[in-house]
Protein backbone atom coordinates (compact mmCIF):
# COMPACT_ATOMS: atom_id res chain seq x y z
CA MET A 1 25.02 -79.97 12.49
CA ALA A 2 27.89 -77.98 13.98
CA ASP A 3 26.60 -78.84 17.46
CA ILE A 4 26.74 -82.56 16.67
CA GLU A 5 30.31 -82.26 15.32
CA GLN A 6 31.38 -80.33 18.41
CA ARG A 7 29.85 -82.97 20.70
CA ILE A 8 31.52 -85.81 18.80
CA ARG A 9 34.92 -84.11 19.03
CA GLY A 10 34.46 -83.31 22.70
CA GLU A 11 33.48 -86.86 23.62
CA ALA A 12 36.18 -88.38 21.39
CA ILE A 13 38.89 -86.79 23.53
CA HIS A 14 37.98 -88.67 26.71
CA GLY A 15 35.86 -91.68 25.90
CA PHE A 16 34.19 -93.92 23.37
CA GLN A 17 33.02 -92.20 20.22
CA TYR A 18 32.48 -92.92 16.56
CA ARG A 19 31.67 -91.14 13.36
CA TYR A 20 30.63 -93.13 10.31
CA PHE A 21 27.60 -93.59 8.12
CA ASN A 22 25.54 -96.74 8.28
CA TYR A 23 22.43 -98.38 6.93
CA PRO A 24 21.00 -100.72 9.60
CA ILE A 25 20.06 -103.60 7.32
CA LEU A 26 18.41 -105.71 10.03
CA ASP A 27 16.28 -102.84 11.35
CA ALA A 28 15.27 -101.83 7.83
CA TYR A 29 14.33 -105.41 7.01
CA LEU A 30 12.32 -106.05 10.18
CA GLU A 31 10.56 -102.67 10.03
CA LYS A 32 9.87 -103.07 6.30
CA TRP A 33 11.48 -99.80 5.25
CA PRO A 34 10.89 -98.79 1.62
CA ASN A 35 12.62 -101.24 -0.65
CA GLU A 36 15.20 -98.87 -2.22
CA VAL A 37 18.02 -101.22 -1.21
CA ALA A 38 16.47 -104.62 -1.86
CA LEU A 39 19.89 -106.14 -2.53
CA LEU A 40 20.92 -105.51 1.09
CA HIS A 41 17.73 -107.16 2.32
CA THR A 42 18.44 -110.16 0.08
CA PHE A 43 21.96 -110.27 1.54
CA LEU A 44 20.47 -110.40 5.07
CA GLU A 45 18.27 -113.33 4.06
CA PHE A 46 21.31 -115.11 2.60
CA ILE A 47 23.48 -114.71 5.72
CA ASN A 48 20.65 -116.14 7.81
CA GLY A 49 20.27 -119.13 5.51
CA PRO A 50 21.69 -122.63 5.90
CA GLN A 51 24.75 -122.16 3.64
CA TRP A 52 26.16 -119.11 5.46
CA LEU A 53 25.37 -120.40 8.94
CA SER A 54 26.88 -123.79 8.05
CA LEU A 55 30.07 -122.01 6.96
CA ALA A 56 30.13 -120.12 10.26
CA TRP A 57 29.71 -123.38 12.21
CA GLN A 58 32.56 -125.02 10.27
CA VAL A 59 34.95 -122.08 10.63
CA THR A 60 34.23 -121.23 14.27
CA GLY A 61 33.24 -124.62 15.68
CA LEU A 62 30.24 -122.90 17.32
CA LYS A 63 27.16 -124.93 16.38
CA GLU A 64 25.01 -122.74 18.66
CA LEU A 65 25.11 -119.81 16.23
CA THR A 66 21.51 -119.31 15.09
CA LYS A 67 21.37 -116.01 13.22
CA CYS A 68 23.31 -113.10 11.85
CA ASP A 69 22.64 -109.37 11.69
CA ALA A 70 24.12 -106.72 9.42
CA GLN A 71 24.73 -103.07 8.75
CA ALA A 72 26.26 -101.41 5.71
CA SER A 73 28.93 -98.91 6.72
CA LEU A 74 30.82 -96.08 5.08
CA TYR A 75 33.85 -94.49 6.71
CA ALA A 76 34.16 -91.30 4.68
CA PRO A 77 36.93 -88.76 5.32
CA ASN A 78 37.04 -87.76 9.02
CA CYS A 79 35.25 -90.93 10.14
CA PHE A 80 36.53 -93.31 12.84
CA LEU A 81 35.46 -95.86 15.44
CA HIS A 82 37.14 -95.75 18.84
CA ARG A 83 38.41 -98.72 20.80
CA HIS A 84 35.63 -101.02 21.99
CA SER A 85 35.11 -104.73 22.62
CA ASP A 86 31.61 -105.54 21.29
CA GLU A 87 30.66 -106.83 24.74
CA LYS A 88 27.01 -107.65 24.07
CA SER A 89 26.60 -111.12 25.50
CA SER A 90 23.02 -110.25 26.41
CA GLU A 91 22.38 -109.77 22.67
CA GLY A 92 24.01 -113.10 21.86
CA TRP A 93 26.93 -111.57 19.94
CA ARG A 94 29.58 -114.29 19.57
CA ILE A 95 31.46 -113.69 16.32
CA ALA A 96 31.89 -110.31 14.62
CA TYR A 97 32.42 -110.10 10.89
CA VAL A 98 33.57 -107.48 8.40
CA LEU A 99 32.82 -108.07 4.73
CA GLY A 100 35.20 -105.71 2.93
CA LEU A 101 33.86 -103.81 -0.06
CA THR A 102 36.64 -101.24 -0.50
CA ARG A 103 38.73 -101.15 -3.67
CA GLU A 104 42.22 -99.69 -4.16
CA TRP A 105 42.85 -98.59 -0.57
CA ARG A 106 46.22 -97.45 0.69
CA PRO A 107 47.49 -97.56 4.29
CA GLU A 108 47.80 -93.78 4.45
CA TYR A 109 44.02 -93.51 3.93
CA GLY A 110 43.45 -94.88 7.46
CA GLY A 111 40.30 -96.92 8.03
CA THR A 112 42.37 -99.86 9.27
CA LEU A 113 40.67 -102.42 11.50
CA GLN A 114 43.05 -102.66 14.44
CA PHE A 115 43.03 -105.27 17.18
CA LEU A 116 44.39 -104.19 20.55
CA ASP A 117 45.69 -105.76 23.72
CA GLU A 118 44.47 -104.71 27.18
CA ALA A 119 47.06 -101.89 27.30
CA GLY A 120 45.81 -100.46 23.99
CA ASN A 121 48.76 -101.62 21.89
CA THR A 122 48.00 -102.71 18.34
CA THR A 123 48.46 -106.45 17.94
CA LEU A 124 47.15 -106.68 14.36
CA GLY A 125 46.05 -104.20 11.68
CA VAL A 126 43.86 -105.19 8.74
CA LEU A 127 43.79 -102.89 5.72
CA PRO A 128 40.40 -102.49 3.98
CA LYS A 129 40.17 -104.64 0.86
CA PHE A 130 37.52 -105.73 -1.59
CA ASN A 131 35.81 -109.10 -1.27
CA THR A 132 37.40 -110.08 2.04
CA LEU A 133 35.78 -111.56 5.12
CA ASN A 134 37.27 -111.00 8.58
CA LEU A 135 35.85 -112.97 11.50
CA PHE A 136 36.74 -112.58 15.17
CA ALA A 137 35.33 -113.75 18.49
CA VAL A 138 33.85 -111.07 20.73
CA PRO A 139 34.42 -109.54 23.13
CA ARG A 140 37.78 -108.42 21.73
CA TRP A 141 39.29 -104.94 21.77
CA HIS A 142 39.36 -103.35 18.32
CA MET A 143 38.86 -100.05 16.48
CA VAL A 144 38.80 -98.47 13.02
CA THR A 145 41.43 -95.78 12.54
CA HIS A 146 40.63 -92.25 11.42
CA VAL A 147 40.13 -91.72 7.69
CA PRO A 148 41.93 -88.43 6.87
CA PRO A 149 40.36 -85.63 4.85
CA TYR A 150 42.56 -86.36 1.82
CA ALA A 151 41.32 -89.94 1.36
CA PRO A 152 39.91 -89.98 -2.18
CA THR A 153 37.03 -92.31 -1.35
CA GLY A 154 35.42 -94.04 1.60
CA ARG A 155 35.92 -97.36 3.33
CA TYR A 156 32.90 -99.56 2.57
CA ALA A 157 31.90 -102.74 4.40
CA ILE A 158 29.03 -104.80 5.66
CA THR A 159 29.51 -105.67 9.31
CA GLY A 160 27.60 -107.52 11.96
CA TRP A 161 27.58 -110.40 14.38
CA PHE A 162 26.81 -114.07 14.37
CA ARG A 163 24.56 -114.59 17.35
CA ASP A 164 23.37 -117.39 19.58
CA LYS A 165 20.19 -115.54 20.67
């Protein structure tokens, strides 16, 4: 484990790196993992149903969106996600989403979703909140700031992409 931590820290200095916990809902669903988190699998079915996709079409104006994937994420203390753009046009990623599931979060706990310009300057910061939905077109530069060791809890969310493939 110490080797992994050392590698993460070393790579984080010079390039893209991340540290957070996730449950890959789509992979688990498709590979029929044991059903210990059936609620997440039901959520995946819902976001691929007509009501959710219809909402996405209305909000984004993109009628070509055909499906949605998902992962449950936890940014515990010392977790982060470096600047990246979600450039996955070959995967059909068009709209990213973050469904916030974090209660009673304060700015000093980090975990903020930050949007950046080409120079790396923050143009918008979104504090984790409960029962919120953030949507943004990709590719777009963004990151999740470091959650410090004193944060009393983690930053919880379900994230993914509306896709056209």
